[in-house]
Every structure is written in structure tokens, then in C-alpha cells.
Amino acid sequence: MKIAFVGKGGSGKTTLSSLFIRHLATTGAPVVAIDADINQHLGAALGLDEEEAAGLPAMGERLPLIKDYLRGSNPRIASAETMIKTTPPGEGSRLLRVRETNPVYDACAREVELDGDAVRLMVTGPFTEADLGVACYHSKTGAVELCLNHLVDGRDEYVVVDMTAGSDSFASGMFTRFDITFLVAEPTRKGVSVYRQYKEYARDFGVALKVVGNKVQGQDDLDFLRAEVGDDLLVTVGHSDWVRAMEKGRPPRFELLEDANRRALHRLQTAVDETYELRDWDRYTRQMVHFHLKNARSWGNERTGADLAAQVDPGFVLGESVTAPA
């Protein structure tokens, strides 16, 4: 199951995504956590110190390896150089599985231990001084989108992505790559404005969107969120001494998280698991192709010197029954 956490900057989406990742890890389920935010803080939220977080391998710097592996023997893709962030898989492509070991995970993922449990952590890498004025951050998140396009995940397998803030998520088709999107909103006008914008942009793409109210301090805050987002409000989270200790670098054992917040995380998992029966791999593949053709016409064909529409395999539908070459 693929889950995105989005929200305006400072809403607490990284903190909540890290709590959800810790919660999933306690269930024994395999978890791949991905930091796709321009502000790379997920590693620290999962307990890494500054040196460990800074030493995580950046997916954006390993894009040639990722492309070469995923291309496999797909005859429609002449070379890894002609692959762009939206390139869809086809017959002969290599696919990623959550539980497996593969060269992409070997190069880009690191295991993070959480109170005896463990998750795989992948990061896009920070926006560096060398990038200023010459690169767009979405050139880095393209590595995540390409991996999600080639990912076959099943029930009780979780990929959690901490996305870029605000409406920046719509700079690519990656916002359609998830089974459910949790929008973290504070009980403020600015907090709900991002929700309205996200809902409007996602309206025509079947995005399952639920709001997680954060920093909710009382009934007035709860009433405000209910009035502004209606039935999209899934759960609310309030003050947490556990989170405050974690932010100071001294997190207690996760089992000591407040009961109310543990129940909130369980509700998030229930909402995720309920989407499994609603999966539509045909629509998922169609949307993948839609954004690929759009990017091909807009800039991809010119940049690669190839007709990227020819990369689309019209008979291929991604899904759990698909097998891929070794």
C-alpha cells in the first residue's frame, strides 16, 4: 500500500509520517519510508543523528543506476538515457517489490532500527548549493516517481512517502501514485487552504484524500476543521510529550506514546488497509501513461531526442499478478 503525507510547511507532516512509520513497524509489516521533501528531516524524525542523516545515499544522485535496472530488457526503451521520471514499465521491465532485495535498494536504501523493529529508509537528497539557480528540486523527486511507477506492492506492505510541502506535489504526476493521501492540516485558515487547493487539483484523478488535523487543542479547533473539511476529516492529533522529547533527540520507547495518539495512528492504518479492495490497476496504469505522454510532449522528446510515446506498451497493465525478468 502506497501512502503520501502532504501539507503546508510547518504543519507537522514529517512528524506525523514518522509516527505512522514507527506504528507500522511495530506490526511487523515490511515498510519502505521515502523522504521526498525538499527539507530532508524524515531521517532525524526516525531517530538518526545529524551525521547519520547526512550520510544517507541520495536517490537523485543514483538515477542512472535506477534507470538502468528498471529498464531491464524492455525493447521499447533504447537506453537508460531516454528514460524520464514518468517512463512507464512494459514487457521486459524490471519491477520493484517491497519485500525483496535488489540493486536499487542496495544503492539507495538504509535500514533504520526502531525499538527493535526496522524499516528501509530512502531519501531524494537535499537541495544543495550546486543546485541553486540551475536545477529544479523535482529533478531529484523524479527518482521516486520512477520507482513508484515500477513498484508492485501488496496487502500488508507499506510504502510511506513524506512529500514536498503545499501544492508543489502537483509539479509532476506523482500525486496520483498513492492508494491514499493524508493531508496534515492545522486548524487555521492557511492550514485548510492547502486542503482546498489539493482537493481541487486532485479532483479529476480519483485521489483518495483524507485530512489529519494536527495541533488540535480543543473543541473549537475540532469544530473549525469539521466545518472546513467535512467528511474528509479522518482523525485529529493534539499535543504530545513523546513528540516533544523526540524533537529534542531523546525519544522514549514508542510504546509510551500517548494512548490517544496511538489510537489515531491505528485509525490511519485502518483507512489505508480499507483502500486495498478499491485498487484499480487499470486506472493506475492509464494515469501513469497520461502523465508520461504529457511530459514527453512538453519537454521529454526534445531533451532526449527520442519519441518517448513509443515507450508506452499498450498491452501492459501493472499489477500484483505481473511477473518481471530477473
Protein backbone atom coordinates (compact mmCIF):
# COMPACT_ATOMS: atom_id res chain seq x y z
CA MET A 1 0.00 0.00 0.00
CA LYS A 2 1.37 3.39 -1.00
CA ILE A 3 0.74 6.34 1.33
CA ALA A 4 1.60 10.02 0.90
CA PHE A 5 1.78 12.64 3.61
CA VAL A 6 1.28 16.20 2.35
CA GLY A 7 0.53 19.58 3.89
CA LYS A 8 1.81 23.11 4.14
CA GLY A 9 5.26 23.75 5.52
CA GLY A 10 5.27 23.55 9.30
CA SER A 11 2.02 21.59 9.51
CA GLY A 12 3.77 18.62 11.10
CA LYS A 13 3.54 16.23 8.15
CA THR A 14 7.08 14.89 8.63
CA THR A 15 6.45 14.30 12.32
CA LEU A 16 3.17 12.51 11.63
CA SER A 17 4.61 10.46 8.78
CA SER A 18 7.45 9.35 11.07
CA LEU A 19 4.97 8.37 13.79
CA PHE A 20 2.95 6.39 11.27
CA ILE A 21 6.10 4.65 10.02
CA ARG A 22 7.02 3.72 13.60
CA HIS A 23 3.48 2.45 14.17
CA LEU A 24 3.57 0.26 11.05
CA ALA A 25 6.95 -1.12 12.06
CA THR A 26 5.52 -2.34 15.36
CA THR A 27 3.06 -4.54 13.44
CA GLY A 28 5.91 -6.46 11.83
CA ALA A 29 4.87 -5.39 8.33
CA PRO A 30 7.57 -4.51 5.79
CA VAL A 31 7.89 -0.73 5.42
CA VAL A 32 9.75 1.40 2.92
CA ALA A 33 9.95 5.04 4.04
CA ILE A 34 10.86 7.73 1.49
CA ASP A 35 11.77 11.34 2.22
CA ALA A 36 10.76 13.28 -0.90
CA ASP A 37 10.60 16.70 0.76
CA ILE A 38 12.99 19.49 -0.19
CA ASN A 39 13.62 19.83 3.55
CA GLN A 40 15.08 16.43 4.43
CA HIS A 41 14.00 15.78 8.02
CA LEU A 42 12.45 12.30 7.96
CA GLY A 43 15.69 10.57 8.92
CA ALA A 44 16.05 12.75 12.01
CA ALA A 45 12.38 12.18 12.89
CA LEU A 46 13.10 8.45 12.78
CA GLY A 47 15.92 8.86 15.26
CA LEU A 48 19.04 9.32 13.13
CA ASP A 49 21.59 11.85 14.32
CA GLU A 50 22.76 14.63 12.00
CA GLU A 51 25.79 12.73 10.73
CA GLU A 52 23.79 9.58 10.02
CA ALA A 53 21.06 11.54 8.24
CA ALA A 54 23.58 13.46 6.15
CA GLY A 55 25.25 10.19 5.15
CA LEU A 56 22.12 8.63 3.65
CA PRO A 57 22.56 7.86 -0.08
CA ALA A 58 20.63 10.30 -2.28
CA MET A 59 18.30 8.70 -4.83
CA GLY A 60 18.72 11.71 -7.11
CA GLU A 61 22.44 11.03 -7.38
CA ARG A 62 21.84 7.37 -8.31
CA LEU A 63 19.28 7.98 -11.02
CA PRO A 64 21.40 6.36 -13.79
CA LEU A 65 21.62 3.14 -11.76
CA ILE A 66 17.88 3.22 -11.04
CA LYS A 67 17.03 3.74 -14.71
CA ASP A 68 19.39 1.05 -15.94
CA TYR A 69 17.99 -1.53 -13.50
CA LEU A 70 14.33 -0.74 -14.14
CA ARG A 71 14.75 -0.70 -17.93
CA GLY A 72 15.64 -4.39 -17.86
CA SER A 73 15.15 -5.90 -21.31
CA ASN A 74 12.22 -3.69 -22.31
CA PRO A 75 12.63 -3.39 -26.10
CA ARG A 76 10.70 -0.11 -26.18
CA ILE A 77 13.40 1.70 -24.19
CA ALA A 78 16.55 2.04 -26.28
CA SER A 79 18.74 3.17 -23.40
CA ALA A 80 18.61 4.38 -19.83
CA GLU A 81 19.38 7.87 -21.13
CA THR A 82 15.99 8.01 -22.83
CA MET A 83 14.10 7.26 -19.62
CA ILE A 84 12.49 10.19 -17.83
CA LYS A 85 10.76 10.38 -14.46
CA THR A 86 7.40 9.31 -15.93
CA THR A 87 8.60 6.40 -18.09
CA PRO A 88 6.12 3.55 -17.51
CA PRO A 89 7.07 -0.12 -17.28
CA GLY A 90 6.32 -2.56 -20.04
CA GLU A 91 7.11 -6.10 -21.09
CA GLY A 92 10.70 -6.78 -20.07
CA SER A 93 10.93 -4.02 -17.45
CA ARG A 94 12.18 -4.90 -14.00
CA LEU A 95 9.69 -4.21 -11.22
CA LEU A 96 10.31 -3.42 -7.56
CA ARG A 97 8.78 -5.41 -4.72
CA VAL A 98 8.59 -4.18 -1.14
CA ARG A 99 10.00 -7.34 0.47
CA GLU A 100 12.79 -8.14 -1.97
CA THR A 101 16.47 -7.30 -2.17
CA ASN A 102 17.53 -5.58 -5.39
CA PRO A 103 20.26 -3.24 -6.68
CA VAL A 104 18.05 -0.16 -6.20
CA TYR A 105 17.55 -0.88 -2.51
CA ASP A 106 21.21 -1.85 -2.15
CA ALA A 107 22.28 1.52 -3.53
CA CYS A 108 19.61 3.80 -2.13
CA ALA A 109 18.03 2.29 0.99
CA ARG A 110 19.36 2.00 4.51
CA GLU A 111 17.84 0.02 7.35
CA VAL A 112 16.74 2.11 10.34
CA GLU A 113 16.07 0.31 13.63
CA LEU A 114 13.11 1.50 15.68
CA ASP A 115 12.85 -0.05 19.15
CA GLY A 116 13.74 -3.49 17.84
CA ASP A 117 11.78 -3.11 14.62
CA ALA A 118 13.26 -1.88 11.35
CA VAL A 119 12.25 -0.05 8.17
CA ARG A 120 14.00 0.71 4.90
CA LEU A 121 14.65 4.44 4.51
CA MET A 122 15.28 6.13 1.17
CA VAL A 123 15.85 9.85 0.57
CA THR A 124 15.86 12.02 -2.53
CA GLY A 125 18.76 14.01 -1.13
CA PRO A 126 18.91 17.69 -0.15
CA PHE A 127 18.79 20.67 -2.46
CA THR A 128 22.47 21.57 -2.47
CA GLU A 129 24.35 24.81 -3.13
CA ALA A 130 25.41 23.39 -6.50
CA ASP A 131 21.74 23.12 -7.49
CA LEU A 132 20.90 26.76 -6.79
CA GLY A 133 19.86 28.61 -9.92
CA VAL A 134 20.45 25.66 -12.24
CA ALA A 135 18.19 22.81 -11.10
CA CYS A 136 14.65 22.14 -10.03
CA TYR A 137 14.06 20.03 -6.95
CA HIS A 138 11.63 17.90 -8.93
CA SER A 139 14.61 16.58 -10.89
CA LYS A 140 15.50 14.80 -7.64
CA THR A 141 12.00 13.60 -6.79
CA GLY A 142 11.84 12.14 -10.29
CA ALA A 143 13.78 9.17 -8.95
CA VAL A 144 10.93 8.49 -6.51
CA GLU A 145 8.29 8.79 -9.22
CA LEU A 146 10.16 6.38 -11.48
CA CYS A 147 10.42 3.84 -8.65
CA LEU A 148 6.73 4.18 -7.79
CA ASN A 149 5.86 3.63 -11.47
CA HIS A 150 7.70 0.30 -11.32
CA LEU A 151 6.55 -0.76 -7.85
CA VAL A 152 4.26 -3.72 -7.28
CA ASP A 153 3.12 -3.70 -3.66
CA GLY A 154 0.52 -5.84 -1.96
CA ARG A 155 -1.67 -6.10 1.10
CA ASP A 156 0.16 -5.53 4.41
CA GLU A 157 3.14 -3.99 2.61
CA TYR A 158 3.64 -0.27 3.09
CA VAL A 159 5.49 2.49 1.25
CA VAL A 160 5.21 5.82 3.08
CA VAL A 161 6.33 8.99 1.29
CA ASP A 162 6.87 12.33 3.01
CA MET A 163 6.08 14.67 0.11
CA THR A 164 7.07 18.22 -0.73
CA ALA A 165 5.09 20.93 1.03
CA GLY A 166 1.92 22.56 -0.22
CA SER A 167 0.88 22.32 -3.86
CA ASP A 168 4.43 21.59 -5.06
CA SER A 169 3.34 17.94 -5.18
CA PHE A 170 1.45 18.75 -8.38
CA ALA A 171 4.59 19.65 -10.35
CA SER A 172 4.54 16.02 -11.55
CA GLY A 173 2.10 13.14 -11.76
CA MET A 174 3.44 11.64 -8.55
CA PHE A 175 0.35 12.77 -6.62
CA THR A 176 -1.62 10.02 -8.39
CA ARG A 177 0.79 7.25 -7.36
CA PHE A 178 -0.77 6.54 -3.95
CA ASP A 179 -3.57 4.42 -2.56
CA ILE A 180 -4.34 7.16 -0.07
CA THR A 181 -3.06 10.65 0.67
CA PHE A 182 -3.08 12.08 4.18
CA LEU A 183 -3.18 15.87 4.20
CA VAL A 184 -1.94 17.22 7.51
CA ALA A 185 -3.80 20.43 8.37
CA GLU A 186 -3.66 22.75 11.33
CA PRO A 187 -6.94 24.32 12.49
CA THR A 188 -6.17 27.62 10.76
CA ARG A 189 -7.25 29.36 7.56
CA LYS A 190 -3.85 28.71 6.00
CA GLY A 191 -3.99 25.09 7.08
CA VAL A 192 -7.28 24.39 5.33
CA SER A 193 -6.41 26.49 2.27
CA VAL A 194 -3.83 23.89 1.26
CA TYR A 195 -6.51 21.21 1.66
CA ARG A 196 -8.89 23.08 -0.67
CA GLN A 197 -6.17 23.58 -3.26
CA TYR A 198 -5.08 19.94 -3.10
CA LYS A 199 -8.64 18.66 -3.34
CA GLU A 200 -9.33 20.87 -6.35
CA TYR A 201 -6.21 19.76 -8.23
CA ALA A 202 -6.76 16.08 -7.42
CA ARG A 203 -10.48 16.09 -8.15
CA ASP A 204 -10.31 14.57 -11.64
CA PHE A 205 -7.78 11.84 -10.80
CA GLY A 206 -9.59 9.72 -8.22
CA VAL A 207 -7.16 10.60 -5.44
CA ALA A 208 -8.26 9.21 -2.07
CA LEU A 209 -7.69 12.20 0.22
CA LYS A 210 -8.15 12.29 3.98
CA VAL A 211 -7.33 15.10 6.40
CA VAL A 212 -5.35 14.58 9.58
CA GLY A 213 -5.94 17.51 11.91
CA ASN A 214 -2.77 18.39 13.77
CA LYS A 215 -2.10 20.64 16.77
CA VAL A 216 -5.76 20.41 17.75
CA GLN A 217 -6.09 21.82 21.27
CA GLY A 218 -9.80 21.76 21.99
CA GLN A 219 -13.38 21.55 20.82
CA ASP A 220 -13.20 24.88 18.99
CA ASP A 221 -10.30 23.63 16.86
CA LEU A 222 -12.15 20.40 16.14
CA ASP A 223 -15.34 22.25 15.20
CA PHE A 224 -13.37 24.52 12.87
CA LEU A 225 -11.82 21.61 10.99
CA ARG A 226 -15.12 19.76 10.73
CA ALA A 227 -16.78 22.85 9.31
CA GLU A 228 -13.99 23.46 6.78
CA VAL A 229 -13.20 19.94 5.51
CA GLY A 230 -16.35 17.96 6.35
CA ASP A 231 -16.22 14.20 5.96
CA ASP A 232 -12.64 14.32 4.71
CA LEU A 233 -11.51 14.81 8.31
CA LEU A 234 -10.33 11.38 9.37
CA VAL A 235 -8.70 11.95 12.75
CA THR A 236 -7.07 14.65 14.86
CA VAL A 237 -3.83 14.74 16.85
CA GLY A 238 -3.09 17.00 19.78
CA HIS A 239 -0.13 17.82 21.99
CA SER A 240 2.37 15.03 22.56
CA ASP A 241 5.05 14.96 25.23
CA TRP A 242 6.52 11.96 23.37
CA VAL A 243 6.91 14.04 20.20
CA ARG A 244 8.44 16.92 22.16
CA ALA A 245 11.04 14.52 23.60
CA MET A 246 11.68 13.09 20.14
CA GLU A 247 12.27 16.57 18.74
CA LYS A 248 14.89 17.10 21.45
CA GLY A 249 16.62 13.91 20.33
CA ARG A 250 15.57 11.92 23.38
CA PRO A 251 12.56 9.85 22.31
CA PRO A 252 11.17 7.37 24.86
CA ARG A 253 10.26 3.90 23.67
CA PHE A 254 7.45 4.15 21.14
CA GLU A 255 5.14 2.05 23.31
CA LEU A 256 4.98 5.07 25.64
CA LEU A 257 3.31 7.27 23.04
CA GLU A 258 0.06 8.69 24.42
CA ASP A 259 -2.96 6.40 24.06
CA ALA A 260 -4.99 8.97 22.11
CA ASN A 261 -2.24 9.39 19.56
CA ARG A 262 -1.72 5.63 19.29
CA ARG A 263 -5.43 5.27 18.52
CA ALA A 264 -5.11 7.97 15.87
CA LEU A 265 -2.27 6.09 14.17
CA HIS A 266 -4.29 2.88 14.26
CA ARG A 267 -7.15 4.73 12.55
CA LEU A 268 -4.77 5.84 9.82
CA GLN A 269 -3.69 2.25 9.22
CA THR A 270 -7.30 1.09 9.09
CA ALA A 271 -8.05 3.74 6.45
CA VAL A 272 -5.02 2.60 4.43
CA ASP A 273 -5.94 -1.07 4.62
CA GLU A 274 -9.51 -0.36 3.57
CA THR A 275 -8.29 1.08 0.26
CA TYR A 276 -6.81 -2.26 -0.77
CA GLU A 277 -10.13 -3.60 -2.03
CA LEU A 278 -10.63 -0.40 -4.07
CA ARG A 279 -7.40 -0.71 -6.03
CA ASP A 280 -7.75 -0.15 -9.76
CA TRP A 281 -4.51 -1.11 -11.50
CA ASP A 282 -6.01 -0.26 -14.91
CA ARG A 283 -6.65 3.33 -13.85
CA TYR A 284 -3.26 3.49 -12.15
CA THR A 285 -1.56 2.45 -15.40
CA ARG A 286 -3.68 4.82 -17.51
CA GLN A 287 -2.74 7.76 -15.31
CA MET A 288 0.91 6.76 -15.49
CA VAL A 289 0.74 6.80 -19.28
CA HIS A 290 -1.23 10.07 -19.31
CA PHE A 291 1.47 11.95 -17.43
CA HIS A 292 4.24 10.30 -19.41
CA LEU A 293 2.77 11.44 -22.71
CA LYS A 294 2.18 14.91 -21.28
CA ASN A 295 5.81 15.19 -20.15
CA ALA A 296 7.06 13.75 -23.42
CA ARG A 297 5.29 16.45 -25.44
CA SER A 298 6.21 19.23 -23.03
CA TRP A 299 9.95 18.63 -22.68
CA GLY A 300 10.94 14.96 -22.76
CA ASN A 301 11.13 14.41 -26.52
CA GLU A 302 13.25 17.49 -27.05
CA ARG A 303 15.59 16.72 -24.16
CA THR A 304 16.19 13.07 -25.03
CA GLY A 305 15.98 13.36 -28.80
CA ALA A 306 13.58 10.42 -28.87
CA ASP A 307 9.87 9.83 -29.37
CA LEU A 308 9.00 8.91 -25.79
CA ALA A 309 5.43 7.99 -26.70
CA ALA A 310 6.96 4.85 -28.23
CA GLN A 311 7.96 3.75 -24.73
CA VAL A 312 4.32 3.02 -23.87
CA ASP A 313 3.45 -0.67 -24.03
CA PRO A 314 -0.28 -0.61 -24.91
CA GLY A 315 -0.89 -4.13 -23.66
CA PHE A 316 0.82 -3.76 -20.29
CA VAL A 317 -1.08 -3.23 -17.04
CA LEU A 318 0.86 -3.02 -13.79
CA GLY A 319 -0.48 -5.24 -11.02
CA GLU A 320 0.30 -7.87 -8.43
CA SER A 321 -0.05 -10.67 -10.96
CA VAL A 322 2.64 -9.24 -13.24
CA THR A 323 5.96 -11.06 -13.29
CA ALA A 324 9.23 -9.44 -14.29
CA PRO A 325 12.55 -10.79 -15.55
CA ALA A 326 15.29 -11.36 -13.01
